[in-house]
Amino acid sequence: MSTSSVYTIRIPTAIRQMMDEMKDVNWQSDIRHSIEELVKEKRRQKLLADGRELRKQTRNIGVSASDLIREDRDAR
């Protein structure tokens, strides 16, 4: 069983009143799902940005990939 924690937010009263009028919506579940999806997307964006930055740093190492492969094959 996974643990959970509470995160409290403030919303405008008018929004809360509209939410209360919608009895058929499970707000807790819908909001939890939306947060999970947003966190996953933000994490994916950060990982991609980190990967792109790492690729920029390693792109021009002064040796071509074919030279590195040839050197590795010759060493066998």
PDB file of N, CA and C in Angstrom:
ATOM      1  N   MET A   1       0.836  -1.177   0.000  1.00  0.00           N
ATOM      2  CA  MET A   1       0.000   0.000   0.000  1.00  0.00           C
ATOM      3  C   MET A   1       0.886   1.247   0.000  1.00  0.00           C
ATOM      4  N   SER A   2       0.613   2.176  -0.903  1.00  0.00           N
ATOM      5  CA  SER A   2       1.427   3.389  -0.968  1.00  0.00           C
ATOM      6  C   SER A   2       0.931   4.417   0.044  1.00  0.00           C
ATOM      7  N   THR A   3       1.847   5.238   0.474  1.00  0.00           N
ATOM      8  CA  THR A   3       1.470   6.285   1.411  1.00  0.00           C
ATOM      9  C   THR A   3       1.047   7.516   0.631  1.00  0.00           C
ATOM     10  N   SER A   4       0.377   8.414   1.307  1.00  0.00           N
ATOM     11  CA  SER A   4      -0.042   9.648   0.661  1.00  0.00           C
ATOM     12  C   SER A   4       0.116  10.798   1.639  1.00  0.00           C
ATOM     13  N   SER A   5       0.076  11.995   1.112  1.00  0.00           N
ATOM     14  CA  SER A   5       0.150  13.176   1.945  1.00  0.00           C
ATOM     15  C   SER A   5      -0.913  14.162   1.497  1.00  0.00           C
ATOM     16  N   VAL A   6      -1.151  15.154   2.320  1.00  0.00           N
ATOM     17  CA  VAL A   6      -2.190  16.143   2.039  1.00  0.00           C
ATOM     18  C   VAL A   6      -1.530  17.403   1.509  1.00  0.00           C
ATOM     19  N   TYR A   7      -2.100  17.964   0.437  1.00  0.00           N
ATOM     20  CA  TYR A   7      -1.649  19.227  -0.131  1.00  0.00           C
ATOM     21  C   TYR A   7      -2.891  20.099  -0.256  1.00  0.00           C
ATOM     22  N   THR A   8      -2.910  21.226   0.412  1.00  0.00           N
ATOM     23  CA  THR A   8      -4.081  22.089   0.452  1.00  0.00           C
ATOM     24  C   THR A   8      -3.889  23.273  -0.483  1.00  0.00           C
ATOM     25  N   ILE A   9      -4.948  23.622  -1.222  1.00  0.00           N
ATOM     26  CA  ILE A   9      -4.911  24.801  -2.092  1.00  0.00           C
ATOM     27  C   ILE A   9      -6.113  25.685  -1.793  1.00  0.00           C
ATOM     28  N   ARG A  10      -5.996  26.940  -2.178  1.00  0.00           N
ATOM     29  CA  ARG A  10      -7.117  27.874  -2.052  1.00  0.00           C
ATOM     30  C   ARG A  10      -7.672  28.126  -3.452  1.00  0.00           C
ATOM     31  N   ILE A  11      -8.999  28.123  -3.538  1.00  0.00           N
ATOM     32  CA  ILE A  11      -9.671  28.435  -4.800  1.00  0.00           C
ATOM     33  C   ILE A  11     -10.719  29.510  -4.519  1.00  0.00           C
ATOM     34  N   PRO A  12     -11.071  30.272  -5.528  1.00  0.00           N
ATOM     35  CA  PRO A  12     -12.108  31.290  -5.320  1.00  0.00           C
ATOM     36  C   PRO A  12     -13.430  30.670  -4.865  1.00  0.00           C
ATOM     37  N   THR A  13     -14.132  31.397  -4.038  1.00  0.00           N
ATOM     38  CA  THR A  13     -15.409  30.916  -3.496  1.00  0.00           C
ATOM     39  C   THR A  13     -16.394  30.593  -4.612  1.00  0.00           C
ATOM     40  N   ALA A  14     -16.423  31.407  -5.653  1.00  0.00           N
ATOM     41  CA  ALA A  14     -17.361  31.177  -6.757  1.00  0.00           C
ATOM     42  C   ALA A  14     -17.081  29.832  -7.425  1.00  0.00           C
ATOM     43  N   ILE A  15     -15.819  29.501  -7.578  1.00  0.00           N
ATOM     44  CA  ILE A  15     -15.458  28.202  -8.176  1.00  0.00           C
ATOM     45  C   ILE A  15     -15.906  27.076  -7.263  1.00  0.00           C
ATOM     46  N   ARG A  16     -15.666  27.216  -5.978  1.00  0.00           N
ATOM     47  CA  ARG A  16     -16.076  26.179  -5.022  1.00  0.00           C
ATOM     48  C   ARG A  16     -17.583  25.977  -5.050  1.00  0.00           C
ATOM     49  N   GLN A  17     -18.333  27.058  -5.162  1.00  0.00           N
ATOM     50  CA  GLN A  17     -19.797  26.944  -5.221  1.00  0.00           C
ATOM     51  C   GLN A  17     -20.226  26.201  -6.482  1.00  0.00           C
ATOM     52  N   MET A  18     -19.577  26.486  -7.608  1.00  0.00           N
ATOM     53  CA  MET A  18     -19.906  25.768  -8.846  1.00  0.00           C
ATOM     54  C   MET A  18     -19.560  24.292  -8.709  1.00  0.00           C
ATOM     55  N   MET A  19     -18.439  24.000  -8.056  1.00  0.00           N
ATOM     56  CA  MET A  19     -18.067  22.605  -7.840  1.00  0.00           C
ATOM     57  C   MET A  19     -19.116  21.896  -6.997  1.00  0.00           C
ATOM     58  N   ASP A  20     -19.590  22.558  -5.945  1.00  0.00           N
ATOM     59  CA  ASP A  20     -20.593  21.963  -5.060  1.00  0.00           C
ATOM     60  C   ASP A  20     -21.903  21.675  -5.783  1.00  0.00           C
ATOM     61  N   GLU A  21     -22.199  22.460  -6.811  1.00  0.00           N
ATOM     62  CA  GLU A  21     -23.433  22.247  -7.589  1.00  0.00           C
ATOM     63  C   GLU A  21     -23.333  21.016  -8.481  1.00  0.00           C
ATOM     64  N   MET A  22     -22.126  20.587  -8.780  1.00  0.00           N
ATOM     65  CA  MET A  22     -21.917  19.432  -9.658  1.00  0.00           C
ATOM     66  C   MET A  22     -21.763  18.180  -8.809  1.00  0.00           C
ATOM     67  N   LYS A  23     -22.867  17.638  -8.397  1.00  0.00           N
ATOM     68  CA  LYS A  23     -22.868  16.484  -7.483  1.00  0.00           C
ATOM     69  C   LYS A  23     -22.338  15.204  -8.131  1.00  0.00           C
ATOM     70  N   ASP A  24     -22.388  15.134  -9.458  1.00  0.00           N
ATOM     71  CA  ASP A  24     -21.992  13.906 -10.144  1.00  0.00           C
ATOM     72  C   ASP A  24     -20.486  13.808 -10.393  1.00  0.00           C
ATOM     73  N   VAL A  25     -19.717  14.818  -9.994  1.00  0.00           N
ATOM     74  CA  VAL A  25     -18.273  14.824 -10.237  1.00  0.00           C
ATOM     75  C   VAL A  25     -17.535  14.422  -8.969  1.00  0.00           C
ATOM     76  N   ASN A  26     -16.594  13.491  -9.116  1.00  0.00           N
ATOM     77  CA  ASN A  26     -15.740  13.095  -7.999  1.00  0.00           C
ATOM     78  C   ASN A  26     -14.494  13.979  -8.052  1.00  0.00           C
ATOM     79  N   TRP A  27     -14.577  15.150  -7.416  1.00  0.00           N
ATOM     80  CA  TRP A  27     -13.517  16.149  -7.512  1.00  0.00           C
ATOM     81  C   TRP A  27     -12.191  15.632  -6.975  1.00  0.00           C
ATOM     82  N   GLN A  28     -12.231  14.917  -5.892  1.00  0.00           N
ATOM     83  CA  GLN A  28     -10.981  14.414  -5.306  1.00  0.00           C
ATOM     84  C   GLN A  28     -10.235  13.532  -6.310  1.00  0.00           C
ATOM     85  N   SER A  29     -10.950  12.621  -6.915  1.00  0.00           N
ATOM     86  CA  SER A  29     -10.328  11.715  -7.881  1.00  0.00           C
ATOM     87  C   SER A  29      -9.873  12.460  -9.135  1.00  0.00           C
ATOM     88  N   ASP A  30     -10.730  13.333  -9.659  1.00  0.00           N
ATOM     89  CA  ASP A  30     -10.393  14.069 -10.877  1.00  0.00           C
ATOM     90  C   ASP A  30      -9.197  14.991 -10.669  1.00  0.00           C
ATOM     91  N   ILE A  31      -9.157  15.684  -9.544  1.00  0.00           N
ATOM     92  CA  ILE A  31      -8.045  16.587  -9.258  1.00  0.00           C
ATOM     93  C   ILE A  31      -6.763  15.796  -9.046  1.00  0.00           C
ATOM     94  N   ARG A  32      -6.847  14.675  -8.317  1.00  0.00           N
ATOM     95  CA  ARG A  32      -5.669  13.835  -8.097  1.00  0.00           C
ATOM     96  C   ARG A  32      -5.110  13.350  -9.434  1.00  0.00           C
ATOM     97  N   HIS A  33      -5.995  12.893 -10.314  1.00  0.00           N
ATOM     98  CA  HIS A  33      -5.569  12.417 -11.627  1.00  0.00           C
ATOM     99  C   HIS A  33      -4.922  13.545 -12.435  1.00  0.00           C
ATOM    100  N   SER A  34      -5.516  14.724 -12.416  1.00  0.00           N
ATOM    101  CA  SER A  34      -4.961  15.867 -13.148  1.00  0.00           C
ATOM    102  C   SER A  34      -3.577  16.238 -12.628  1.00  0.00           C
ATOM    103  N   ILE A  35      -3.411  16.218 -11.318  1.00  0.00           N
ATOM    104  CA  ILE A  35      -2.106  16.538 -10.726  1.00  0.00           C
ATOM    105  C   ILE A  35      -1.073  15.491 -11.126  1.00  0.00           C
ATOM    106  N   GLU A  36      -1.453  14.222 -11.066  1.00  0.00           N
ATOM    107  CA  GLU A  36      -0.522  13.161 -11.447  1.00  0.00           C
ATOM    108  C   GLU A  36      -0.062  13.332 -12.889  1.00  0.00           C
ATOM    109  N   GLU A  37      -0.997  13.623 -13.795  1.00  0.00           N
ATOM    110  CA  GLU A  37      -0.650  13.805 -15.203  1.00  0.00           C
ATOM    111  C   GLU A  37       0.236  15.024 -15.402  1.00  0.00           C
ATOM    112  N   LEU A  38      -0.060  16.110 -14.704  1.00  0.00           N
ATOM    113  CA  LEU A  38       0.752  17.316 -14.816  1.00  0.00           C
ATOM    114  C   LEU A  38       2.165  17.086 -14.300  1.00  0.00           C
ATOM    115  N   VAL A  39       2.292  16.397 -13.183  1.00  0.00           N
ATOM    116  CA  VAL A  39       3.612  16.114 -12.617  1.00  0.00           C
ATOM    117  C   VAL A  39       4.413  15.228 -13.570  1.00  0.00           C
ATOM    118  N   LYS A  40       3.782  14.216 -14.135  1.00  0.00           N
ATOM    119  CA  LYS A  40       4.476  13.342 -15.086  1.00  0.00           C
ATOM    120  C   LYS A  40       4.948  14.121 -16.306  1.00  0.00           C
ATOM    121  N   GLU A  41       4.091  15.005 -16.830  1.00  0.00           N
ATOM    122  CA  GLU A  41       4.450  15.791 -18.007  1.00  0.00           C
ATOM    123  C   GLU A  41       5.584  16.761 -17.685  1.00  0.00           C
ATOM    124  N   LYS A  42       5.525  17.433 -16.560  1.00  0.00           N
ATOM    125  CA  LYS A  42       6.587  18.361 -16.169  1.00  0.00           C
ATOM    126  C   LYS A  42       7.905  17.618 -15.966  1.00  0.00           C
ATOM    127  N   ARG A  43       7.839  16.433 -15.376  1.00  0.00           N
ATOM    128  CA  ARG A  43       9.053  15.632 -15.168  1.00  0.00           C
ATOM    129  C   ARG A  43       9.637  15.189 -16.509  1.00  0.00           C
ATOM    130  N   ARG A  44       8.768  14.780 -17.433  1.00  0.00           N
ATOM    131  CA  ARG A  44       9.202  14.362 -18.762  1.00  0.00           C
ATOM    132  C   ARG A  44       9.876  15.539 -19.483  1.00  0.00           C
ATOM    133  N   GLN A  45       9.291  16.738 -19.370  1.00  0.00           N
ATOM    134  CA  GLN A  45       9.870  17.920 -19.991  1.00  0.00           C
ATOM    135  C   GLN A  45      11.253  18.231 -19.407  1.00  0.00           C
ATOM    136  N   LYS A  46      11.387  18.099 -18.093  1.00  0.00           N
ATOM    137  CA  LYS A  46      12.668  18.374 -17.444  1.00  0.00           C
ATOM    138  C   LYS A  46      13.719  17.356 -17.885  1.00  0.00           C
ATOM    139  N   LEU A  47      13.350  16.086 -17.929  1.00  0.00           N
ATOM    140  CA  LEU A  47      14.293  15.053 -18.361  1.00  0.00           C
ATOM    141  C   LEU A  47      14.733  15.275 -19.804  1.00  0.00           C
ATOM    142  N   LEU A  48      13.792  15.669 -20.672  1.00  0.00           N
ATOM    143  CA  LEU A  48      14.151  15.951 -22.061  1.00  0.00           C
ATOM    144  C   LEU A  48      15.090  17.145 -22.160  1.00  0.00           C
ATOM    145  N   ALA A  49      14.804  18.187 -21.398  1.00  0.00           N
ATOM    146  CA  ALA A  49      15.676  19.369 -21.402  1.00  0.00           C
ATOM    147  C   ALA A  49      17.062  19.004 -20.889  1.00  0.00           C
ATOM    148  N   ASP A  50      17.126  18.213 -19.825  1.00  0.00           N
ATOM    149  CA  ASP A  50      18.417  17.771 -19.290  1.00  0.00           C
ATOM    150  C   ASP A  50      19.176  16.937 -20.324  1.00  0.00           C
ATOM    151  N   GLY A  51      18.471  16.052 -21.017  1.00  0.00           N
ATOM    152  CA  GLY A  51      19.092  15.223 -22.042  1.00  0.00           C
ATOM    153  C   GLY A  51      19.597  16.046 -23.209  1.00  0.00           C
ATOM    154  N   ARG A  52      18.818  17.037 -23.616  1.00  0.00           N
ATOM    155  CA  ARG A  52      19.256  17.907 -24.711  1.00  0.00           C
ATOM    156  C   ARG A  52      20.499  18.698 -24.320  1.00  0.00           C
ATOM    157  N   GLU A  53      20.527  19.187 -23.091  1.00  0.00           N
ATOM    158  CA  GLU A  53      21.686  19.932 -22.616  1.00  0.00           C
ATOM    159  C   GLU A  53      22.923  19.033 -22.570  1.00  0.00           C
ATOM    160  N   LEU A  54      22.747  17.815 -22.083  1.00  0.00           N
ATOM    161  CA  LEU A  54      23.862  16.868 -22.039  1.00  0.00           C
ATOM    162  C   LEU A  54      24.356  16.553 -23.448  1.00  0.00           C
ATOM    163  N   ARG A  55      23.416  16.417 -24.376  1.00  0.00           N
ATOM    164  CA  ARG A  55      23.797  16.131 -25.766  1.00  0.00           C
ATOM    165  C   ARG A  55      24.585  17.289 -26.365  1.00  0.00           C
ATOM    166  N   LYS A  56      24.175  18.532 -26.057  1.00  0.00           N
ATOM    167  CA  LYS A  56      24.920  19.692 -26.545  1.00  0.00           C
ATOM    168  C   LYS A  56      26.358  19.672 -26.026  1.00  0.00           C
ATOM    169  N   GLN A  57      26.518  19.276 -24.781  1.00  0.00           N
ATOM    170  CA  GLN A  57      27.843  19.266 -24.164  1.00  0.00           C
ATOM    171  C   GLN A  57      28.739  18.182 -24.751  1.00  0.00           C
ATOM    172  N   THR A  58      28.152  17.098 -25.215  1.00  0.00           N
ATOM    173  CA  THR A  58      28.953  15.979 -25.715  1.00  0.00           C
ATOM    174  C   THR A  58      28.976  15.908 -27.237  1.00  0.00           C
ATOM    175  N   ARG A  59      28.276  16.798 -27.898  1.00  0.00           N
ATOM    176  CA  ARG A  59      28.175  16.739 -29.356  1.00  0.00           C
ATOM    177  C   ARG A  59      29.527  16.929 -30.031  1.00  0.00           C
ATOM    178  N   ASN A  60      30.289  17.912 -29.638  1.00  0.00           N
ATOM    179  CA  ASN A  60      31.556  18.218 -30.314  1.00  0.00           C
ATOM    180  C   ASN A  60      32.731  17.845 -29.415  1.00  0.00           C
ATOM    181  N   ILE A  61      33.040  16.558 -29.393  1.00  0.00           N
ATOM    182  CA  ILE A  61      34.152  16.113 -28.548  1.00  0.00           C
ATOM    183  C   ILE A  61      35.458  16.059 -29.332  1.00  0.00           C
ATOM    184  N   GLY A  62      35.430  16.451 -30.609  1.00  0.00           N
ATOM    185  CA  GLY A  62      36.640  16.520 -31.405  1.00  0.00           C
ATOM    186  C   GLY A  62      36.972  15.252 -32.165  1.00  0.00           C
ATOM    187  N   VAL A  63      36.186  14.212 -31.995  1.00  0.00           N
ATOM    188  CA  VAL A  63      36.428  12.937 -32.676  1.00  0.00           C
ATOM    189  C   VAL A  63      35.097  12.478 -33.257  1.00  0.00           C
ATOM    190  N   SER A  64      35.133  11.966 -34.478  1.00  0.00           N
ATOM    191  CA  SER A  64      33.889  11.494 -35.085  1.00  0.00           C
ATOM    192  C   SER A  64      33.496  10.135 -34.500  1.00  0.00           C
ATOM    193  N   ALA A  65      32.226   9.843 -34.561  1.00  0.00           N
ATOM    194  CA  ALA A  65      31.730   8.566 -34.051  1.00  0.00           C
ATOM    195  C   ALA A  65      32.340   7.400 -34.820  1.00  0.00           C
ATOM    196  N   SER A  66      32.493   7.571 -36.124  1.00  0.00           N
ATOM    197  CA  SER A  66      33.064   6.472 -36.927  1.00  0.00           C
ATOM    198  C   SER A  66      34.513   6.189 -36.513  1.00  0.00           C
ATOM    199  N   ASP A  67      35.257   7.238 -36.166  1.00  0.00           N
ATOM    200  CA  ASP A  67      36.637   7.020 -35.695  1.00  0.00           C
ATOM    201  C   ASP A  67      36.645   6.262 -34.367  1.00  0.00           C
ATOM    202  N   LEU A  68      35.716   6.594 -33.486  1.00  0.00           N
ATOM    203  CA  LEU A  68      35.645   5.904 -32.197  1.00  0.00           C
ATOM    204  C   LEU A  68      35.269   4.435 -32.379  1.00  0.00           C
ATOM    205  N   ILE A  69      34.330   4.183 -33.285  1.00  0.00           N
ATOM    206  CA  ILE A  69      33.904   2.799 -33.551  1.00  0.00           C
ATOM    207  C   ILE A  69      35.057   2.006 -34.158  1.00  0.00           C
ATOM    208  N   ARG A  70      35.742   2.605 -35.123  1.00  0.00           N
ATOM    209  CA  ARG A  70      36.875   1.924 -35.768  1.00  0.00           C
ATOM    210  C   ARG A  70      37.960   1.611 -34.737  1.00  0.00           C
ATOM    211  N   GLU A  71      38.248   2.575 -33.859  1.00  0.00           N
ATOM    212  CA  GLU A  71      39.264   2.368 -32.819  1.00  0.00           C
ATOM    213  C   GLU A  71      38.863   1.222 -31.891  1.00  0.00           C
ATOM    214  N   ASP A  72      37.581   1.168 -31.550  1.00  0.00           N
ATOM    215  CA  ASP A  72      37.100   0.102 -30.671  1.00  0.00           C
ATOM    216  C   ASP A  72      37.203  -1.260 -31.355  1.00  0.00           C
ATOM    217  N   ARG A  73      36.851  -1.330 -32.633  1.00  0.00           N
ATOM    218  CA  ARG A  73      36.932  -2.595 -33.368  1.00  0.00           C
ATOM    219  C   ARG A  73      38.388  -3.045 -33.534  1.00  0.00           C
ATOM    220  N   ASP A  74      39.267  -2.109 -33.795  1.00  0.00           N
ATOM    221  CA  ASP A  74      40.683  -2.443 -33.963  1.00  0.00           C
ATOM    222  C   ASP A  74      41.315  -2.924 -32.666  1.00  0.00           C
ATOM    223  N   ALA A  75      40.777  -2.492 -31.551  1.00  0.00           N
ATOM    224  CA  ALA A  75      41.334  -2.877 -30.259  1.00  0.00           C
ATOM    225  C   ALA A  75      40.981  -4.307 -29.880  1.00  0.00           C
ATOM    226  N   ARG A  76      40.045  -4.919 -30.567  1.00  0.00           N
ATOM    227  CA  ARG A  76      39.611  -6.280 -30.226  1.00  0.00           C
ATOM    228  C   ARG A  76      40.571  -7.305 -30.679  1.00  0.00           C
TER     229      ARG A  76
END
